[in-house]
All heavy atoms as atom14 arrays in JSON, in Angstrom:
{
  "sequence": "NVYADNQKLDKNFFRKQYNDRFGHISEDQCLRTFAGFLKKEVQ",
  "atom14_mask": [
    [1, 1, 1, 1, 1, 1, 1, 1, 0, 0, 0, 0, 0, 0],
    [1, 1, 1, 1, 1, 1, 1, 0, 0, 0, 0, 0, 0, 0],
    [1, 1, 1, 1, 1, 1, 1, 1, 1, 1, 1, 1, 0, 0],
    [1, 1, 1, 1, 1, 0, 0, 0, 0, 0, 0, 0, 0, 0],
    [1, 1, 1, 1, 1, 1, 1, 1, 0, 0, 0, 0, 0, 0],
    [1, 1, 1, 1, 1, 1, 1, 1, 0, 0, 0, 0, 0, 0],
    [1, 1, 1, 1, 1, 1, 1, 1, 1, 0, 0, 0, 0, 0],
    [1, 1, 1, 1, 1, 1, 1, 1, 1, 0, 0, 0, 0, 0],
    [1, 1, 1, 1, 1, 1, 1, 1, 0, 0, 0, 0, 0, 0],
    [1, 1, 1, 1, 1, 1, 1, 1, 0, 0, 0, 0, 0, 0],
    [1, 1, 1, 1, 1, 1, 1, 1, 1, 0, 0, 0, 0, 0],
    [1, 1, 1, 1, 1, 1, 1, 1, 0, 0, 0, 0, 0, 0],
    [1, 1, 1, 1, 1, 1, 1, 1, 1, 1, 1, 0, 0, 0],
    [1, 1, 1, 1, 1, 1, 1, 1, 1, 1, 1, 0, 0, 0],
    [1, 1, 1, 1, 1, 1, 1, 1, 1, 1, 1, 0, 0, 0],
    [1, 1, 1, 1, 1, 1, 1, 1, 1, 0, 0, 0, 0, 0],
    [1, 1, 1, 1, 1, 1, 1, 1, 1, 0, 0, 0, 0, 0],
    [1, 1, 1, 1, 1, 1, 1, 1, 1, 1, 1, 1, 0, 0],
    [1, 1, 1, 1, 1, 1, 1, 1, 0, 0, 0, 0, 0, 0],
    [1, 1, 1, 1, 1, 1, 1, 1, 0, 0, 0, 0, 0, 0],
    [1, 1, 1, 1, 1, 1, 1, 1, 1, 1, 1, 0, 0, 0],
    [1, 1, 1, 1, 1, 1, 1, 1, 1, 1, 1, 0, 0, 0],
    [1, 1, 1, 1, 0, 0, 0, 0, 0, 0, 0, 0, 0, 0],
    [1, 1, 1, 1, 1, 1, 1, 1, 1, 1, 0, 0, 0, 0],
    [1, 1, 1, 1, 1, 1, 1, 1, 0, 0, 0, 0, 0, 0],
    [1, 1, 1, 1, 1, 1, 0, 0, 0, 0, 0, 0, 0, 0],
    [1, 1, 1, 1, 1, 1, 1, 1, 1, 0, 0, 0, 0, 0],
    [1, 1, 1, 1, 1, 1, 1, 1, 0, 0, 0, 0, 0, 0],
    [1, 1, 1, 1, 1, 1, 1, 1, 1, 0, 0, 0, 0, 0],
    [1, 1, 1, 1, 1, 1, 0, 0, 0, 0, 0, 0, 0, 0],
    [1, 1, 1, 1, 1, 1, 1, 1, 0, 0, 0, 0, 0, 0],
    [1, 1, 1, 1, 1, 1, 1, 1, 1, 1, 1, 0, 0, 0],
    [1, 1, 1, 1, 1, 1, 1, 0, 0, 0, 0, 0, 0, 0],
    [1, 1, 1, 1, 1, 1, 1, 1, 1, 1, 1, 0, 0, 0],
    [1, 1, 1, 1, 1, 0, 0, 0, 0, 0, 0, 0, 0, 0],
    [1, 1, 1, 1, 0, 0, 0, 0, 0, 0, 0, 0, 0, 0],
    [1, 1, 1, 1, 1, 1, 1, 1, 1, 1, 1, 0, 0, 0],
    [1, 1, 1, 1, 1, 1, 1, 1, 0, 0, 0, 0, 0, 0],
    [1, 1, 1, 1, 1, 1, 1, 1, 1, 0, 0, 0, 0, 0],
    [1, 1, 1, 1, 1, 1, 1, 1, 1, 0, 0, 0, 0, 0],
    [1, 1, 1, 1, 1, 1, 1, 1, 1, 0, 0, 0, 0, 0],
    [1, 1, 1, 1, 1, 1, 1, 0, 0, 0, 0, 0, 0, 0],
    [1, 1, 1, 1, 1, 1, 1, 1, 1, 0, 0, 0, 0, 0]
  ],
  "atom14_positions": [
    [[2.18, -14.6, -27.58], [2.32, -15.62, -26.55], [3.23, -15.13, -25.41], [4.1, -15.84, -24.95], [2.85, -16.92, -27.15], [2.6, -18.1, -26.22], [1.68, -18.06, -25.41], [3.42, -19.11, -26.34], [0.0, 0.0, 0.0], [0.0, 0.0, 0.0], [0.0, 0.0, 0.0], [0.0, 0.0, 0.0], [0.0, 0.0, 0.0], [0.0, 0.0, 0.0]],
    [[2.99, -13.91, -24.97], [3.74, -13.32, -23.87], [2.89, -13.4, -22.63], [1.69, -13.1, -22.66], [4.1, -11.85, -24.18], [4.76, -11.19, -23.0], [4.98, -11.77, -25.42], [0.0, 0.0, 0.0], [0.0, 0.0, 0.0], [0.0, 0.0, 0.0], [0.0, 0.0, 0.0], [0.0, 0.0, 0.0], [0.0, 0.0, 0.0], [0.0, 0.0, 0.0]],
    [[3.46, -13.8, -21.55], [2.72, -13.87, -20.28], [2.6, -12.49, -19.66], [3.53, -11.71, -19.66], [3.41, -14.8, -19.29], [3.34, -16.24, -19.67], [4.47, -16.9, -20.09], [2.17, -16.95, -19.59], [4.44, -18.24, -20.43], [2.11, -18.28, -19.91], [3.25, -18.93, -20.34], [3.21, -20.25, -20.68], [0.0, 0.0, 0.0], [0.0, 0.0, 0.0]],
    [[1.45, -12.23, -19.11], [1.23, -11.01, -18.32], [0.25, -11.36, -17.22], [-0.65, -12.18, -17.4], [0.67, -9.89, -19.18], [0.0, 0.0, 0.0], [0.0, 0.0, 0.0], [0.0, 0.0, 0.0], [0.0, 0.0, 0.0], [0.0, 0.0, 0.0], [0.0, 0.0, 0.0], [0.0, 0.0, 0.0], [0.0, 0.0, 0.0], [0.0, 0.0, 0.0]],
    [[0.42, -10.77, -16.08], [-0.47, -11.03, -14.95], [-0.69, -9.73, -14.2], [0.14, -8.83, -14.25], [0.12, -12.06, -14.02], [-0.85, -12.51, -12.95], [-1.81, -13.23, -13.3], [-0.66, -12.12, -11.78], [0.0, 0.0, 0.0], [0.0, 0.0, 0.0], [0.0, 0.0, 0.0], [0.0, 0.0, 0.0], [0.0, 0.0, 0.0], [0.0, 0.0, 0.0]],
    [[-1.85, -9.62, -13.55], [-2.06, -8.45, -12.7], [-2.51, -8.91, -11.33], [-3.09, -9.97, -11.18], [-3.03, -7.44, -13.33], [-4.44, -7.97, -13.43], [-4.9, -8.7, -12.56], [-5.13, -7.62, -14.48], [0.0, 0.0, 0.0], [0.0, 0.0, 0.0], [0.0, 0.0, 0.0], [0.0, 0.0, 0.0], [0.0, 0.0, 0.0], [0.0, 0.0, 0.0]],
    [[-2.19, -8.1, -10.35], [-2.56, -8.34, -8.97], [-3.19, -7.07, -8.43], [-2.76, -5.97, -8.75], [-1.32, -8.67, -8.12], [-0.51, -9.83, -8.6], [-1.17, -11.16, -8.32], [-1.85, -11.32, -7.31], [-1.0, -12.09, -9.22], [0.0, 0.0, 0.0], [0.0, 0.0, 0.0], [0.0, 0.0, 0.0], [0.0, 0.0, 0.0], [0.0, 0.0, 0.0]],
    [[-4.22, -7.24, -7.61], [-4.84, -6.08, -6.96], [-4.54, -6.14, -5.47], [-4.74, -7.17, -4.84], [-6.35, -6.09, -7.17], [-7.03, -4.94, -6.47], [-8.53, -5.03, -6.62], [-9.17, -3.93, -5.78], [-10.6, -4.12, -5.61], [0.0, 0.0, 0.0], [0.0, 0.0, 0.0], [0.0, 0.0, 0.0], [0.0, 0.0, 0.0], [0.0, 0.0, 0.0]],
    [[-4.04, -5.05, -4.93], [-3.8, -4.95, -3.49], [-4.74, -3.9, -2.93], [-4.81, -2.8, -3.44], [-2.36, -4.51, -3.21], [-1.29, -5.56, -3.39], [-0.89, -5.64, -4.83], [-0.13, -5.24, -2.51], [0.0, 0.0, 0.0], [0.0, 0.0, 0.0], [0.0, 0.0, 0.0], [0.0, 0.0, 0.0], [0.0, 0.0, 0.0], [0.0, 0.0, 0.0]],
    [[-5.41, -4.26, -1.87], [-6.31, -3.33, -1.21], [-5.95, -3.32, 0.28], [-6.11, -4.32, 0.96], [-7.76, -3.75, -1.42], [-8.76, -2.77, -0.82], [-8.34, -1.88, -0.03], [-9.95, -2.88, -1.13], [0.0, 0.0, 0.0], [0.0, 0.0, 0.0], [0.0, 0.0, 0.0], [0.0, 0.0, 0.0], [0.0, 0.0, 0.0], [0.0, 0.0, 0.0]],
    [[-5.47, -2.22, 0.74], [-4.99, -2.12, 2.13], [-6.08, -1.52, 3.05], [-5.79, -1.03, 4.12], [-3.73, -1.28, 2.21], [-2.58, -1.92, 1.47], [-1.3, -1.22, 1.72], [-0.87, -1.13, 3.14], [-0.55, -2.34, 3.85], [0.0, 0.0, 0.0], [0.0, 0.0, 0.0], [0.0, 0.0, 0.0], [0.0, 0.0, 0.0], [0.0, 0.0, 0.0]],
    [[-7.33, -1.57, 2.64], [-8.4, -0.91, 3.4], [-8.48, -1.41, 4.83], [-8.57, -0.62, 5.76], [-9.73, -1.08, 2.69], [-10.8, -0.17, 3.28], [-10.53, 0.97, 3.62], [-12.0, -0.67, 3.4], [0.0, 0.0, 0.0], [0.0, 0.0, 0.0], [0.0, 0.0, 0.0], [0.0, 0.0, 0.0], [0.0, 0.0, 0.0], [0.0, 0.0, 0.0]],
    [[-8.45, -2.71, 5.05], [-8.56, -3.24, 6.42], [-7.4, -2.77, 7.28], [-7.59, -2.29, 8.39], [-8.61, -4.77, 6.38], [-8.74, -5.39, 7.75], [-9.92, -5.33, 8.43], [-7.66, -6.02, 8.34], [-10.05, -5.89, 9.7], [-7.76, -6.57, 9.61], [-8.96, -6.51, 10.28], [0.0, 0.0, 0.0], [0.0, 0.0, 0.0], [0.0, 0.0, 0.0]],
    [[-6.21, -2.86, 6.73], [-5.01, -2.38, 7.45], [-5.1, -0.88, 7.71], [-4.84, -0.39, 8.8], [-3.76, -2.7, 6.65], [-2.53, -2.02, 7.18], [-1.86, -2.51, 8.28], [-2.05, -0.88, 6.57], [-0.73, -1.87, 8.79], [-0.93, -0.22, 7.06], [-0.27, -0.72, 8.17], [0.0, 0.0, 0.0], [0.0, 0.0, 0.0], [0.0, 0.0, 0.0]],
    [[-5.49, -0.13, 6.68], [-5.54, 1.32, 6.78], [-6.46, 1.76, 7.9], [-6.13, 2.65, 8.68], [-6.01, 1.92, 5.45], [-6.05, 3.43, 5.45], [-6.85, 3.99, 4.29], [-8.23, 3.59, 4.32], [-9.17, 4.2, 5.08], [-8.87, 5.19, 5.84], [-10.42, 3.79, 5.04], [0.0, 0.0, 0.0], [0.0, 0.0, 0.0], [0.0, 0.0, 0.0]],
    [[-7.63, 1.16, 8.0], [-8.59, 1.54, 9.05], [-7.99, 1.34, 10.43], [-8.06, 2.23, 11.28], [-9.87, 0.7, 8.88], [-10.86, 0.82, 10.01], [-11.71, 2.05, 9.85], [-12.86, 2.04, 10.84], [-12.7, 2.93, 11.93], [0.0, 0.0, 0.0], [0.0, 0.0, 0.0], [0.0, 0.0, 0.0], [0.0, 0.0, 0.0], [0.0, 0.0, 0.0]],
    [[-7.39, 0.19, 10.66], [-6.78, -0.08, 11.97], [-5.63, 0.89, 12.26], [-5.5, 1.41, 13.36], [-6.3, -1.52, 12.05], [-7.42, -2.51, 12.09], [-6.9, -3.94, 12.15], [-5.79, -4.22, 11.71], [-7.7, -4.83, 12.71], [0.0, 0.0, 0.0], [0.0, 0.0, 0.0], [0.0, 0.0, 0.0], [0.0, 0.0, 0.0], [0.0, 0.0, 0.0]],
    [[-4.78, 1.1, 11.26], [-3.63, 1.99, 11.42], [-4.08, 3.42, 11.7], [-3.59, 4.08, 12.61], [-2.77, 1.93, 10.15], [-1.38, 2.5, 10.34], [-0.32, 1.67, 10.67], [-1.12, 3.85, 10.17], [0.95, 2.16, 10.84], [0.14, 4.37, 10.33], [1.19, 3.51, 10.67], [2.45, 4.0, 10.84], [0.0, 0.0, 0.0], [0.0, 0.0, 0.0]],
    [[-5.06, 3.89, 10.92], [-5.57, 5.24, 11.08], [-6.2, 5.43, 12.45], [-5.97, 6.47, 13.11], [-6.59, 5.53, 9.98], [-6.94, 6.99, 9.87], [-6.22, 7.85, 10.36], [-8.05, 7.27, 9.23], [0.0, 0.0, 0.0], [0.0, 0.0, 0.0], [0.0, 0.0, 0.0], [0.0, 0.0, 0.0], [0.0, 0.0, 0.0], [0.0, 0.0, 0.0]],
    [[-6.95, 4.45, 12.92], [-7.59, 4.56, 14.23], [-6.55, 4.65, 15.35], [-6.74, 5.34, 16.35], [-8.52, 3.37, 14.49], [-9.8, 3.44, 13.67], [-10.05, 4.49, 13.04], [-10.51, 2.42, 13.63], [0.0, 0.0, 0.0], [0.0, 0.0, 0.0], [0.0, 0.0, 0.0], [0.0, 0.0, 0.0], [0.0, 0.0, 0.0], [0.0, 0.0, 0.0]],
    [[-5.45, 3.95, 15.19], [-4.44, 3.88, 16.23], [-3.44, 5.05, 16.2], [-3.07, 5.61, 17.23], [-3.68, 2.57, 16.16], [-2.68, 2.4, 17.26], [-2.18, 1.01, 17.38], [-1.26, 0.95, 18.51], [-0.51, -0.07, 18.78], [-0.6, -1.16, 18.04], [0.33, -0.06, 19.78], [0.0, 0.0, 0.0], [0.0, 0.0, 0.0], [0.0, 0.0, 0.0]],
    [[-2.97, 5.4, 14.98], [-1.89, 6.38, 14.86], [-2.3, 7.72, 14.27], [-1.52, 8.66, 14.28], [-0.75, 5.8, 14.03], [-0.14, 4.57, 14.62], [-0.38, 3.32, 14.06], [0.65, 4.64, 15.76], [0.17, 2.18, 14.61], [1.2, 3.51, 16.32], [0.95, 2.27, 15.75], [0.0, 0.0, 0.0], [0.0, 0.0, 0.0], [0.0, 0.0, 0.0]],
    [[-3.47, 7.8, 13.68], [-3.94, 9.05, 13.1], [-3.73, 9.15, 11.6], [-2.96, 8.4, 11.0], [0.0, 0.0, 0.0], [0.0, 0.0, 0.0], [0.0, 0.0, 0.0], [0.0, 0.0, 0.0], [0.0, 0.0, 0.0], [0.0, 0.0, 0.0], [0.0, 0.0, 0.0], [0.0, 0.0, 0.0], [0.0, 0.0, 0.0], [0.0, 0.0, 0.0]],
    [[-4.45, 10.1, 11.02], [-4.47, 10.24, 9.56], [-3.12, 10.62, 8.97], [-2.7, 10.09, 7.94], [-5.52, 11.28, 9.17], [-5.72, 11.42, 7.7], [-6.32, 10.44, 6.95], [-5.38, 12.41, 6.86], [-6.34, 10.84, 5.69], [-5.78, 12.03, 5.61], [0.0, 0.0, 0.0], [0.0, 0.0, 0.0], [0.0, 0.0, 0.0], [0.0, 0.0, 0.0]],
    [[-2.37, 11.5, 9.61], [-1.09, 11.94, 9.07], [-0.11, 10.77, 9.05], [0.59, 10.56, 8.03], [-0.53, 13.13, 9.87], [-1.44, 14.34, 9.66], [0.91, 13.43, 9.47], [-1.12, 15.53, 10.54], [0.0, 0.0, 0.0], [0.0, 0.0, 0.0], [0.0, 0.0, 0.0], [0.0, 0.0, 0.0], [0.0, 0.0, 0.0], [0.0, 0.0, 0.0]],
    [[-0.06, 10.0, 10.09], [0.81, 8.83, 10.12], [0.4, 7.8, 9.08], [1.23, 7.15, 8.45], [0.79, 8.18, 11.5], [1.39, 9.03, 12.45], [0.0, 0.0, 0.0], [0.0, 0.0, 0.0], [0.0, 0.0, 0.0], [0.0, 0.0, 0.0], [0.0, 0.0, 0.0], [0.0, 0.0, 0.0], [0.0, 0.0, 0.0], [0.0, 0.0, 0.0]],
    [[-0.9, 7.66, 8.9], [-1.4, 6.7, 7.91], [-0.98, 7.12, 6.5], [-0.58, 6.3, 5.69], [-2.93, 6.62, 7.99], [-3.53, 5.63, 7.01], [-4.66, 6.21, 6.23], [-5.26, 7.21, 6.67], [-4.93, 5.68, 5.15], [0.0, 0.0, 0.0], [0.0, 0.0, 0.0], [0.0, 0.0, 0.0], [0.0, 0.0, 0.0], [0.0, 0.0, 0.0]],
    [[-1.03, 8.42, 6.21], [-0.59, 8.91, 4.9], [0.88, 8.6, 4.66], [1.28, 8.18, 3.58], [-0.82, 10.42, 4.77], [-2.29, 10.79, 4.55], [-3.08, 9.88, 4.22], [-2.62, 11.97, 4.69], [0.0, 0.0, 0.0], [0.0, 0.0, 0.0], [0.0, 0.0, 0.0], [0.0, 0.0, 0.0], [0.0, 0.0, 0.0], [0.0, 0.0, 0.0]],
    [[1.71, 8.81, 5.67], [3.14, 8.52, 5.55], [3.35, 7.03, 5.34], [4.18, 6.61, 4.53], [3.91, 9.01, 6.78], [5.39, 8.73, 6.7], [6.05, 9.35, 5.48], [5.77, 10.5, 5.12], [6.91, 8.6, 4.82], [0.0, 0.0, 0.0], [0.0, 0.0, 0.0], [0.0, 0.0, 0.0], [0.0, 0.0, 0.0], [0.0, 0.0, 0.0]],
    [[2.65, 6.21, 6.07], [2.75, 4.77, 5.92], [2.37, 4.35, 4.5], [3.05, 3.52, 3.88], [1.85, 4.07, 6.95], [1.88, 2.28, 6.85], [0.0, 0.0, 0.0], [0.0, 0.0, 0.0], [0.0, 0.0, 0.0], [0.0, 0.0, 0.0], [0.0, 0.0, 0.0], [0.0, 0.0, 0.0], [0.0, 0.0, 0.0], [0.0, 0.0, 0.0]],
    [[1.32, 4.93, 3.97], [0.87, 4.59, 2.62], [1.92, 5.01, 1.58], [2.2, 4.27, 0.65], [-0.47, 5.26, 2.35], [-1.19, 4.86, 1.07], [-1.41, 3.36, 1.03], [-2.5, 5.6, 0.95], [0.0, 0.0, 0.0], [0.0, 0.0, 0.0], [0.0, 0.0, 0.0], [0.0, 0.0, 0.0], [0.0, 0.0, 0.0], [0.0, 0.0, 0.0]],
    [[2.53, 6.17, 1.77], [3.6, 6.61, 0.85], [4.8, 5.66, 0.9], [5.38, 5.31, -0.13], [4.04, 8.04, 1.15], [3.09, 9.09, 0.63], [3.7, 10.48, 0.71], [3.89, 10.93, 2.08], [2.95, 11.51, 2.84], [1.76, 11.7, 2.33], [3.23, 11.89, 4.06], [0.0, 0.0, 0.0], [0.0, 0.0, 0.0], [0.0, 0.0, 0.0]],
    [[5.14, 5.24, 2.12], [6.26, 4.27, 2.26], [5.93, 2.95, 1.58], [6.75, 2.38, 0.88], [6.55, 4.06, 3.76], [6.91, 5.3, 4.35], [7.67, 3.06, 3.97], [0.0, 0.0, 0.0], [0.0, 0.0, 0.0], [0.0, 0.0, 0.0], [0.0, 0.0, 0.0], [0.0, 0.0, 0.0], [0.0, 0.0, 0.0], [0.0, 0.0, 0.0]],
    [[4.71, 2.48, 1.78], [4.28, 1.24, 1.16], [4.29, 1.36, -0.36], [4.74, 0.45, -1.06], [2.88, 0.87, 1.66], [2.35, -0.4, 1.07], [2.9, -1.63, 1.42], [1.31, -0.37, 0.17], [2.42, -2.8, 0.86], [0.82, -1.54, -0.37], [1.36, -2.76, -0.04], [0.0, 0.0, 0.0], [0.0, 0.0, 0.0], [0.0, 0.0, 0.0]],
    [[3.81, 2.48, -0.87], [3.8, 2.69, -2.32], [5.21, 2.7, -2.87], [5.49, 2.15, -3.95], [3.09, 4.0, -2.66], [0.0, 0.0, 0.0], [0.0, 0.0, 0.0], [0.0, 0.0, 0.0], [0.0, 0.0, 0.0], [0.0, 0.0, 0.0], [0.0, 0.0, 0.0], [0.0, 0.0, 0.0], [0.0, 0.0, 0.0], [0.0, 0.0, 0.0]],
    [[6.15, 3.3, -2.15], [7.56, 3.29, -2.57], [8.13, 1.88, -2.61], [8.85, 1.51, -3.53], [0.0, 0.0, 0.0], [0.0, 0.0, 0.0], [0.0, 0.0, 0.0], [0.0, 0.0, 0.0], [0.0, 0.0, 0.0], [0.0, 0.0, 0.0], [0.0, 0.0, 0.0], [0.0, 0.0, 0.0], [0.0, 0.0, 0.0], [0.0, 0.0, 0.0]],
    [[7.77, 1.09, -1.6], [8.19, -0.31, -1.56], [7.67, -1.06, -2.78], [8.4, -1.76, -3.49], [7.7, -0.97, -0.27], [7.7, -2.49, -0.32], [8.88, -3.19, -0.19], [6.52, -3.17, -0.52], [8.86, -4.58, -0.24], [6.51, -4.55, -0.58], [7.67, -5.24, -0.44], [0.0, 0.0, 0.0], [0.0, 0.0, 0.0], [0.0, 0.0, 0.0]],
    [[6.36, -0.91, -3.06], [5.76, -1.59, -4.23], [6.41, -1.14, -5.52], [6.69, -1.96, -6.39], [4.25, -1.31, -4.28], [3.39, -1.97, -3.24], [1.92, -1.55, -3.42], [3.51, -3.49, -3.29], [0.0, 0.0, 0.0], [0.0, 0.0, 0.0], [0.0, 0.0, 0.0], [0.0, 0.0, 0.0], [0.0, 0.0, 0.0], [0.0, 0.0, 0.0]],
    [[6.63, 0.17, -5.65], [7.23, 0.7, -6.87], [8.59, 0.06, -7.13], [8.89, -0.36, -8.25], [7.36, 2.21, -6.77], [7.93, 2.87, -7.99], [7.98, 4.38, -7.82], [8.57, 5.05, -9.05], [8.65, 6.49, -8.87], [0.0, 0.0, 0.0], [0.0, 0.0, 0.0], [0.0, 0.0, 0.0], [0.0, 0.0, 0.0], [0.0, 0.0, 0.0]],
    [[9.41, -0.03, -6.09], [10.74, -0.63, -6.24], [10.61, -2.11, -6.62], [11.31, -2.59, -7.53], [11.52, -0.48, -4.95], [12.9, -1.05, -5.0], [13.64, -0.84, -3.69], [14.99, -1.52, -3.74], [15.67, -1.43, -2.45], [0.0, 0.0, 0.0], [0.0, 0.0, 0.0], [0.0, 0.0, 0.0], [0.0, 0.0, 0.0], [0.0, 0.0, 0.0]],
    [[9.74, -2.84, -5.93], [9.57, -4.26, -6.22], [9.1, -4.5, -7.65], [9.58, -5.4, -8.35], [8.55, -4.88, -5.25], [9.06, -5.04, -3.85], [10.09, -6.15, -3.73], [9.9, -7.22, -4.32], [11.09, -5.94, -3.03], [0.0, 0.0, 0.0], [0.0, 0.0, 0.0], [0.0, 0.0, 0.0], [0.0, 0.0, 0.0], [0.0, 0.0, 0.0]],
    [[8.16, -3.67, -8.1], [7.59, -3.84, -9.45], [8.62, -3.44, -10.51], [8.76, -4.13, -11.52], [6.27, -3.04, -9.57], [5.79, -2.99, -10.99], [5.21, -3.65, -8.67], [0.0, 0.0, 0.0], [0.0, 0.0, 0.0], [0.0, 0.0, 0.0], [0.0, 0.0, 0.0], [0.0, 0.0, 0.0], [0.0, 0.0, 0.0], [0.0, 0.0, 0.0]],
    [[9.32, -2.35, -10.28], [10.35, -1.92, -11.27], [11.45, -2.97, -11.4], [11.97, -3.17, -12.5], [10.95, -0.59, -10.85], [10.03, 0.58, -11.11], [10.62, 1.89, -10.66], [11.52, 1.94, -9.81], [10.09, 2.98, -11.18], [0.0, 0.0, 0.0], [0.0, 0.0, 0.0], [0.0, 0.0, 0.0], [0.0, 0.0, 0.0], [0.0, 0.0, 0.0]]
  ]
}
C-alpha cells in the first residue's frame, strides 16, 4: 500500500523552437541544464 506515481515530460515542442532560434549546440546545453534541474528536483 505504498503510493507511487510517474510523470512523462516531453520537451519536443520547446526543443524545436529553441533549436530553430539558437542552434543545435545551444539546444544541447539547454537540455543538459534542464536535465540537471529535474535530477535535483527528483532527488
